[in-house]
Amino acid sequence: MARRVVEAASDKQAIDIVLLDARGVCSFADYFVICTGDSERQIKTIYEEIEHILKKEGVLPHHREGTIDSGWFLLDFGDVIVHIFAPAEREYYQLDELWSQAVPVVRIQ
């Protein structure tokens, strides 16, 4: 599922996509996908594409958080947590650093 999320984000030209294996450092999720969109429109498109691709496979998010104007969306699929950021919010929250002990599986810049 995490790789499908990465592919969907990449298909919508997300920037700096990171897939982290968090199983060794996190108790509530196995993987984190973190990516950036250049504009509100692109962030929304990435978000919608990920939901659409997984919904076709019968996978719905357990929880959604954030708004376009906040510069951050979260999709919680249980084992996979997806963060879609605007550039300023990605820099501010620095989740890549927060979860630096997680194992990087994929990085697409």
N, C-alpha and C. Protein backbone atom coordinates (compact mmCIF):
# COMPACT_ATOMS: atom_id res chain seq x y z
N MET A 1 0.82 -1.19 0.00
CA MET A 1 0.00 0.00 0.00
C MET A 1 0.87 1.26 0.00
N ALA A 2 1.94 1.26 0.78
CA ALA A 2 2.81 2.43 0.85
C ALA A 2 3.42 2.74 -0.52
N ARG A 3 3.81 1.71 -1.23
CA ARG A 3 4.40 1.93 -2.56
C ARG A 3 3.37 2.48 -3.55
N ARG A 4 2.12 2.05 -3.42
CA ARG A 4 1.06 2.60 -4.28
C ARG A 4 0.85 4.08 -3.98
N VAL A 5 0.95 4.45 -2.71
CA VAL A 5 0.84 5.86 -2.32
C VAL A 5 1.97 6.66 -2.96
N VAL A 6 3.18 6.13 -2.90
CA VAL A 6 4.34 6.81 -3.50
C VAL A 6 4.13 6.97 -5.00
N GLU A 7 3.67 5.92 -5.66
CA GLU A 7 3.43 5.98 -7.11
C GLU A 7 2.37 7.02 -7.44
N ALA A 8 1.28 7.07 -6.66
CA ALA A 8 0.21 8.04 -6.91
C ALA A 8 0.72 9.46 -6.73
N ALA A 9 1.50 9.69 -5.68
CA ALA A 9 2.06 11.03 -5.46
C ALA A 9 3.02 11.40 -6.59
N SER A 10 3.83 10.45 -7.02
CA SER A 10 4.77 10.70 -8.10
C SER A 10 4.05 10.99 -9.41
N ASP A 11 2.96 10.28 -9.67
CA ASP A 11 2.18 10.51 -10.88
C ASP A 11 1.62 11.93 -10.94
N LYS A 12 1.41 12.54 -9.77
CA LYS A 12 0.89 13.91 -9.71
C LYS A 12 2.00 14.93 -9.44
N GLN A 13 3.23 14.53 -9.75
CA GLN A 13 4.42 15.38 -9.67
C GLN A 13 4.69 15.95 -8.28
N ALA A 14 4.41 15.16 -7.23
CA ALA A 14 4.79 15.58 -5.88
C ALA A 14 6.31 15.71 -5.83
N ILE A 15 6.79 16.55 -4.95
CA ILE A 15 8.21 16.83 -4.82
C ILE A 15 8.75 16.18 -3.56
N ASP A 16 9.98 15.71 -3.62
CA ASP A 16 10.68 15.17 -2.46
C ASP A 16 9.83 14.14 -1.72
N ILE A 17 9.48 13.08 -2.41
CA ILE A 17 8.67 12.00 -1.84
C ILE A 17 9.59 11.09 -1.04
N VAL A 18 9.20 10.83 0.20
CA VAL A 18 9.98 9.96 1.08
C VAL A 18 9.06 8.88 1.63
N LEU A 19 9.50 7.64 1.54
CA LEU A 19 8.81 6.51 2.18
C LEU A 19 9.73 6.00 3.27
N LEU A 20 9.25 6.06 4.51
CA LEU A 20 10.03 5.63 5.67
C LEU A 20 9.42 4.38 6.28
N ASP A 21 10.25 3.40 6.54
CA ASP A 21 9.84 2.20 7.28
C ASP A 21 10.00 2.54 8.76
N ALA A 22 8.88 2.73 9.44
CA ALA A 22 8.90 3.18 10.83
C ALA A 22 8.63 2.05 11.82
N ARG A 23 8.62 0.82 11.34
CA ARG A 23 8.27 -0.30 12.22
C ARG A 23 9.18 -0.41 13.44
N GLY A 24 10.44 -0.06 13.32
CA GLY A 24 11.36 -0.17 14.43
C GLY A 24 11.32 0.98 15.42
N VAL A 25 10.63 2.07 15.05
CA VAL A 25 10.65 3.27 15.90
C VAL A 25 9.27 3.84 16.21
N CYS A 26 8.23 3.20 15.72
CA CYS A 26 6.88 3.74 15.88
C CYS A 26 5.90 2.62 16.23
N SER A 27 5.04 2.89 17.19
CA SER A 27 4.08 1.87 17.62
C SER A 27 2.72 1.97 16.91
N PHE A 28 2.44 3.08 16.21
CA PHE A 28 1.11 3.27 15.65
C PHE A 28 1.03 3.17 14.13
N ALA A 29 2.17 3.03 13.46
CA ALA A 29 2.16 2.88 12.00
C ALA A 29 3.42 2.15 11.56
N ASP A 30 3.33 1.51 10.42
CA ASP A 30 4.49 0.81 9.86
C ASP A 30 5.28 1.70 8.91
N TYR A 31 4.57 2.54 8.15
CA TYR A 31 5.22 3.37 7.15
C TYR A 31 4.69 4.79 7.18
N PHE A 32 5.57 5.72 6.85
CA PHE A 32 5.20 7.11 6.63
C PHE A 32 5.56 7.47 5.21
N VAL A 33 4.66 8.15 4.53
CA VAL A 33 4.95 8.75 3.24
C VAL A 33 4.84 10.25 3.44
N ILE A 34 5.90 10.95 3.08
CA ILE A 34 5.94 12.40 3.22
C ILE A 34 6.25 12.97 1.84
N CYS A 35 5.47 13.96 1.41
CA CYS A 35 5.73 14.58 0.12
C CYS A 35 5.29 16.04 0.14
N THR A 36 5.66 16.75 -0.91
CA THR A 36 5.38 18.18 -1.00
C THR A 36 4.72 18.48 -2.33
N GLY A 37 3.77 19.42 -2.28
CA GLY A 37 3.15 19.97 -3.49
C GLY A 37 3.48 21.44 -3.59
N ASP A 38 3.70 21.93 -4.80
CA ASP A 38 4.10 23.33 -5.03
C ASP A 38 2.99 24.34 -4.82
N SER A 39 1.75 23.92 -4.96
CA SER A 39 0.62 24.86 -4.87
C SER A 39 -0.54 24.18 -4.15
N GLU A 40 -1.52 24.99 -3.75
CA GLU A 40 -2.71 24.43 -3.12
C GLU A 40 -3.40 23.45 -4.07
N ARG A 41 -3.45 23.81 -5.32
CA ARG A 41 -4.10 22.94 -6.32
C ARG A 41 -3.38 21.60 -6.44
N GLN A 42 -2.05 21.63 -6.47
CA GLN A 42 -1.29 20.39 -6.58
C GLN A 42 -1.44 19.54 -5.31
N ILE A 43 -1.42 20.18 -4.15
CA ILE A 43 -1.60 19.44 -2.90
C ILE A 43 -2.94 18.71 -2.91
N LYS A 44 -3.99 19.41 -3.33
CA LYS A 44 -5.32 18.80 -3.40
C LYS A 44 -5.34 17.65 -4.40
N THR A 45 -4.68 17.83 -5.54
CA THR A 45 -4.63 16.80 -6.57
C THR A 45 -3.92 15.54 -6.07
N ILE A 46 -2.81 15.72 -5.37
CA ILE A 46 -2.07 14.58 -4.80
C ILE A 46 -2.95 13.85 -3.81
N TYR A 47 -3.57 14.60 -2.92
CA TYR A 47 -4.47 14.04 -1.89
C TYR A 47 -5.58 13.23 -2.54
N GLU A 48 -6.25 13.82 -3.53
CA GLU A 48 -7.36 13.14 -4.19
C GLU A 48 -6.91 11.90 -4.95
N GLU A 49 -5.75 11.95 -5.58
CA GLU A 49 -5.25 10.80 -6.33
C GLU A 49 -4.95 9.63 -5.40
N ILE A 50 -4.31 9.91 -4.28
CA ILE A 50 -4.01 8.84 -3.32
C ILE A 50 -5.30 8.21 -2.82
N GLU A 51 -6.27 9.03 -2.44
CA GLU A 51 -7.56 8.49 -1.98
C GLU A 51 -8.23 7.67 -3.07
N HIS A 52 -8.21 8.18 -4.30
CA HIS A 52 -8.88 7.51 -5.42
C HIS A 52 -8.25 6.14 -5.70
N ILE A 53 -6.93 6.10 -5.78
CA ILE A 53 -6.23 4.84 -6.09
C ILE A 53 -6.51 3.79 -5.02
N LEU A 54 -6.44 4.16 -3.75
CA LEU A 54 -6.66 3.18 -2.69
C LEU A 54 -8.13 2.82 -2.54
N LYS A 55 -9.02 3.77 -2.80
CA LYS A 55 -10.45 3.47 -2.72
C LYS A 55 -10.84 2.41 -3.76
N LYS A 56 -10.22 2.47 -4.95
CA LYS A 56 -10.48 1.46 -5.98
C LYS A 56 -10.11 0.07 -5.49
N GLU A 57 -9.18 0.00 -4.54
CA GLU A 57 -8.75 -1.28 -3.98
C GLU A 57 -9.49 -1.60 -2.68
N GLY A 58 -10.50 -0.79 -2.36
CA GLY A 58 -11.28 -1.03 -1.16
C GLY A 58 -10.64 -0.54 0.13
N VAL A 59 -9.62 0.31 0.01
CA VAL A 59 -8.92 0.83 1.18
C VAL A 59 -9.33 2.29 1.40
N LEU A 60 -9.93 2.54 2.55
CA LEU A 60 -10.35 3.90 2.90
C LEU A 60 -9.54 4.39 4.10
N PRO A 61 -9.29 5.70 4.16
CA PRO A 61 -8.54 6.20 5.31
C PRO A 61 -9.36 6.09 6.59
N HIS A 62 -8.65 5.78 7.69
CA HIS A 62 -9.31 5.76 9.00
C HIS A 62 -9.55 7.18 9.50
N HIS A 63 -8.70 8.08 9.05
CA HIS A 63 -8.75 9.45 9.54
C HIS A 63 -8.13 10.39 8.51
N ARG A 64 -8.69 11.59 8.41
CA ARG A 64 -8.14 12.65 7.56
C ARG A 64 -7.96 13.88 8.42
N GLU A 65 -6.95 14.65 8.11
CA GLU A 65 -6.72 15.87 8.85
C GLU A 65 -6.12 16.91 7.94
N GLY A 66 -6.31 18.18 8.27
CA GLY A 66 -5.72 19.27 7.52
C GLY A 66 -6.65 19.82 6.45
N THR A 67 -6.24 20.95 5.89
CA THR A 67 -6.99 21.62 4.83
C THR A 67 -6.00 22.17 3.81
N ILE A 68 -6.51 22.51 2.66
CA ILE A 68 -5.64 23.05 1.62
C ILE A 68 -4.98 24.34 2.10
N ASP A 69 -5.76 25.22 2.70
CA ASP A 69 -5.19 26.51 3.11
C ASP A 69 -4.24 26.40 4.30
N SER A 70 -4.23 25.25 4.99
CA SER A 70 -3.27 25.06 6.09
C SER A 70 -1.90 24.61 5.57
N GLY A 71 -1.85 24.16 4.32
CA GLY A 71 -0.59 23.70 3.75
C GLY A 71 -0.20 22.30 4.17
N TRP A 72 -1.16 21.54 4.68
CA TRP A 72 -0.84 20.20 5.16
C TRP A 72 -2.09 19.32 5.15
N PHE A 73 -1.95 18.15 4.60
CA PHE A 73 -2.98 17.11 4.65
C PHE A 73 -2.38 15.86 5.25
N LEU A 74 -3.18 15.15 6.02
CA LEU A 74 -2.78 13.85 6.55
C LEU A 74 -3.84 12.84 6.18
N LEU A 75 -3.42 11.70 5.70
CA LEU A 75 -4.29 10.56 5.44
C LEU A 75 -3.76 9.41 6.28
N ASP A 76 -4.60 8.88 7.15
CA ASP A 76 -4.20 7.77 8.03
C ASP A 76 -4.89 6.51 7.54
N PHE A 77 -4.10 5.61 6.96
CA PHE A 77 -4.61 4.33 6.49
C PHE A 77 -4.28 3.20 7.46
N GLY A 78 -3.99 3.54 8.70
CA GLY A 78 -3.64 2.54 9.69
C GLY A 78 -2.16 2.26 9.67
N ASP A 79 -1.75 1.30 8.88
CA ASP A 79 -0.33 0.94 8.79
C ASP A 79 0.49 1.98 8.03
N VAL A 80 -0.19 2.80 7.22
CA VAL A 80 0.49 3.81 6.41
C VAL A 80 -0.11 5.18 6.71
N ILE A 81 0.77 6.11 7.09
CA ILE A 81 0.36 7.49 7.34
C ILE A 81 0.97 8.35 6.23
N VAL A 82 0.14 9.17 5.59
CA VAL A 82 0.58 10.01 4.48
C VAL A 82 0.50 11.48 4.89
N HIS A 83 1.59 12.20 4.70
CA HIS A 83 1.64 13.64 4.94
C HIS A 83 1.92 14.33 3.62
N ILE A 84 1.06 15.27 3.24
CA ILE A 84 1.25 16.06 2.02
C ILE A 84 1.38 17.51 2.48
N PHE A 85 2.52 18.10 2.20
CA PHE A 85 2.83 19.44 2.69
C PHE A 85 3.00 20.45 1.56
N ALA A 86 2.76 21.73 1.91
CA ALA A 86 3.27 22.85 1.13
C ALA A 86 4.73 23.02 1.55
N PRO A 87 5.57 23.63 0.71
CA PRO A 87 7.00 23.74 1.05
C PRO A 87 7.28 24.38 2.42
N ALA A 88 6.62 25.45 2.76
CA ALA A 88 6.89 26.14 4.03
C ALA A 88 6.54 25.26 5.23
N GLU A 89 5.42 24.55 5.15
CA GLU A 89 5.00 23.69 6.25
C GLU A 89 5.92 22.47 6.37
N ARG A 90 6.38 21.96 5.24
CA ARG A 90 7.32 20.82 5.30
C ARG A 90 8.60 21.23 6.01
N GLU A 91 9.08 22.42 5.68
CA GLU A 91 10.29 22.94 6.32
C GLU A 91 10.05 23.18 7.81
N TYR A 92 8.88 23.69 8.16
CA TYR A 92 8.57 24.02 9.55
C TYR A 92 8.48 22.76 10.42
N TYR A 93 7.72 21.76 9.97
CA TYR A 93 7.48 20.57 10.78
C TYR A 93 8.64 19.57 10.75
N GLN A 94 9.41 19.55 9.69
CA GLN A 94 10.59 18.71 9.56
C GLN A 94 10.37 17.26 10.02
N LEU A 95 9.32 16.64 9.50
CA LEU A 95 9.03 15.25 9.87
C LEU A 95 10.15 14.30 9.46
N ASP A 96 10.84 14.63 8.39
CA ASP A 96 11.97 13.79 7.97
C ASP A 96 13.00 13.69 9.10
N GLU A 97 13.22 14.81 9.78
CA GLU A 97 14.16 14.84 10.91
C GLU A 97 13.57 14.18 12.14
N LEU A 98 12.29 14.44 12.39
CA LEU A 98 11.63 13.86 13.55
C LEU A 98 11.69 12.33 13.52
N TRP A 99 11.51 11.77 12.33
CA TRP A 99 11.53 10.32 12.16
C TRP A 99 12.84 9.86 11.52
N SER A 100 13.93 10.53 11.82
CA SER A 100 15.22 10.22 11.19
C SER A 100 15.75 8.83 11.52
N GLN A 101 15.23 8.22 12.58
CA GLN A 101 15.67 6.86 12.91
C GLN A 101 14.91 5.80 12.13
N ALA A 102 13.85 6.20 11.44
CA ALA A 102 13.14 5.26 10.58
C ALA A 102 14.02 4.97 9.36
N VAL A 103 13.80 3.82 8.77
CA VAL A 103 14.62 3.38 7.63
C VAL A 103 14.04 3.95 6.33
N PRO A 104 14.82 4.77 5.59
CA PRO A 104 14.34 5.25 4.30
C PRO A 104 14.24 4.09 3.30
N VAL A 105 13.09 3.95 2.69
CA VAL A 105 12.87 2.90 1.69
C VAL A 105 12.96 3.49 0.30
N VAL A 106 12.35 4.65 0.11
CA VAL A 106 12.32 5.33 -1.19
C VAL A 106 12.48 6.82 -0.94
N ARG A 107 13.24 7.47 -1.81
CA ARG A 107 13.29 8.93 -1.83
C ARG A 107 13.32 9.36 -3.29
N ILE A 108 12.31 10.12 -3.70
CA ILE A 108 12.22 10.63 -5.06
C ILE A 108 12.24 12.15 -4.97
N GLN A 109 13.27 12.74 -5.54
CA GLN A 109 13.40 14.21 -5.44
C GLN A 109 13.07 14.90 -6.70
